[in-house]
């Protein structure tokens, strides 16, 4: 589909490492469980709608 397994693994590792570090103070104070899964959206069945670009352009 999209990115190689190696690229996905590296990105997943970095994201999990980052949010684990952010949650470390919470883990040290109370019981908690956190999970993470990275998936790629299907290139043909991925639908989006937004108006953010227009809003940002209107502010400029």
C-alpha atoms as a PDB file:
ATOM      1  CA  UNK A   1       0.000   0.000   0.000  1.00  0.00           C
ATOM      2  CA  UNK A   2       1.967   2.976   1.240  1.00  0.00           C
ATOM      3  CA  UNK A   3       5.020   3.135   3.465  1.00  0.00           C
ATOM      4  CA  UNK A   4       7.449   0.294   3.975  1.00  0.00           C
ATOM      5  CA  UNK A   5       7.186  -1.837   7.114  1.00  0.00           C
ATOM      6  CA  UNK A   6      10.526  -0.398   8.272  1.00  0.00           C
ATOM      7  CA  UNK A   7       9.276   3.188   7.991  1.00  0.00           C
ATOM      8  CA  UNK A   8       6.029   2.316   9.784  1.00  0.00           C
ATOM      9  CA  UNK A   9       7.965   0.560  12.564  1.00  0.00           C
ATOM     10  CA  UNK A  10      10.331   3.512  13.042  1.00  0.00           C
ATOM     11  CA  UNK A  11       7.434   5.994  13.140  1.00  0.00           C
ATOM     12  CA  UNK A  12       5.414   3.793  15.516  1.00  0.00           C
ATOM     13  CA  UNK A  13       8.405   3.360  17.827  1.00  0.00           C
ATOM     14  CA  UNK A  14       8.985   7.118  17.958  1.00  0.00           C
ATOM     15  CA  UNK A  15       5.332   7.968  18.586  1.00  0.00           C
ATOM     16  CA  UNK A  16       4.993   5.330  21.329  1.00  0.00           C
ATOM     17  CA  UNK A  17       8.266   6.462  22.921  1.00  0.00           C
ATOM     18  CA  UNK A  18       7.104  10.081  22.892  1.00  0.00           C
ATOM     19  CA  UNK A  19       3.699   9.553  24.418  1.00  0.00           C
ATOM     20  CA  UNK A  20       5.086   7.046  26.927  1.00  0.00           C
ATOM     21  CA  UNK A  21       7.531   9.703  28.086  1.00  0.00           C
ATOM     22  CA  UNK A  22       4.697  12.240  28.371  1.00  0.00           C
ATOM     23  CA  UNK A  23       2.633   9.787  30.436  1.00  0.00           C
ATOM     24  CA  UNK A  24       5.519   8.740  32.669  1.00  0.00           C
ATOM     25  CA  UNK A  25       4.537  11.088  35.546  1.00  0.00           C
ATOM     26  CA  UNK A  26       1.012   9.651  35.539  1.00  0.00           C
ATOM     27  CA  UNK A  27       2.322   6.064  35.492  1.00  0.00           C
ATOM     28  CA  UNK A  28       4.467   6.881  38.515  1.00  0.00           C
ATOM     29  CA  UNK A  29       1.455   8.126  40.527  1.00  0.00           C
ATOM     30  CA  UNK A  30      -1.403   5.765  39.607  1.00  0.00           C
ATOM     31  CA  UNK A  31      -2.373   2.559  37.861  1.00  0.00           C
ATOM     32  CA  UNK A  32      -2.840   3.063  34.145  1.00  0.00           C
ATOM     33  CA  UNK A  33      -2.816   1.192  30.866  1.00  0.00           C
ATOM     34  CA  UNK A  34      -2.148   2.719  27.447  1.00  0.00           C
ATOM     35  CA  UNK A  35      -2.079   1.193  23.998  1.00  0.00           C
ATOM     36  CA  UNK A  36      -1.199   2.396  20.536  1.00  0.00           C
ATOM     37  CA  UNK A  37      -1.646   1.012  17.037  1.00  0.00           C
ATOM     38  CA  UNK A  38      -0.608   2.674  13.794  1.00  0.00           C
ATOM     39  CA  UNK A  39      -2.575   1.916  10.660  1.00  0.00           C
ATOM     40  CA  UNK A  40      -2.503   3.430   7.212  1.00  0.00           C
ATOM     41  CA  UNK A  41      -5.727   4.673   5.728  1.00  0.00           C
ATOM     42  CA  UNK A  42      -6.741   2.929   2.530  1.00  0.00           C
ATOM     43  CA  UNK A  43      -5.733   5.098  -0.445  1.00  0.00           C
ATOM     44  CA  UNK A  44      -9.077   4.615  -2.263  1.00  0.00           C
ATOM     45  CA  UNK A  45     -11.477   4.366   0.673  1.00  0.00           C
ATOM     46  CA  UNK A  46     -10.181   7.249   2.778  1.00  0.00           C
ATOM     47  CA  UNK A  47     -12.640  10.131   2.797  1.00  0.00           C
ATOM     48  CA  UNK A  48     -12.068  13.552   4.325  1.00  0.00           C
ATOM     49  CA  UNK A  49     -13.835  16.854   4.460  1.00  0.00           C
ATOM     50  CA  UNK A  50     -12.589  20.003   6.145  1.00  0.00           C
ATOM     51  CA  UNK A  51     -12.656  23.757   5.856  1.00  0.00           C
ATOM     52  CA  UNK A  52      -9.485  24.536   7.790  1.00  0.00           C
ATOM     53  CA  UNK A  53      -7.504  25.739   4.754  1.00  0.00           C
ATOM     54  CA  UNK A  54     -10.255  28.209   3.828  1.00  0.00           C
ATOM     55  CA  UNK A  55     -10.495  29.467   7.414  1.00  0.00           C
ATOM     56  CA  UNK A  56      -6.728  29.997   7.592  1.00  0.00           C
ATOM     57  CA  UNK A  57      -6.701  31.766   4.218  1.00  0.00           C
ATOM     58  CA  UNK A  58      -9.558  34.050   5.345  1.00  0.00           C
ATOM     59  CA  UNK A  59      -7.526  35.075   8.425  1.00  0.00           C
ATOM     60  CA  UNK A  60      -4.509  36.092   6.296  1.00  0.00           C
END
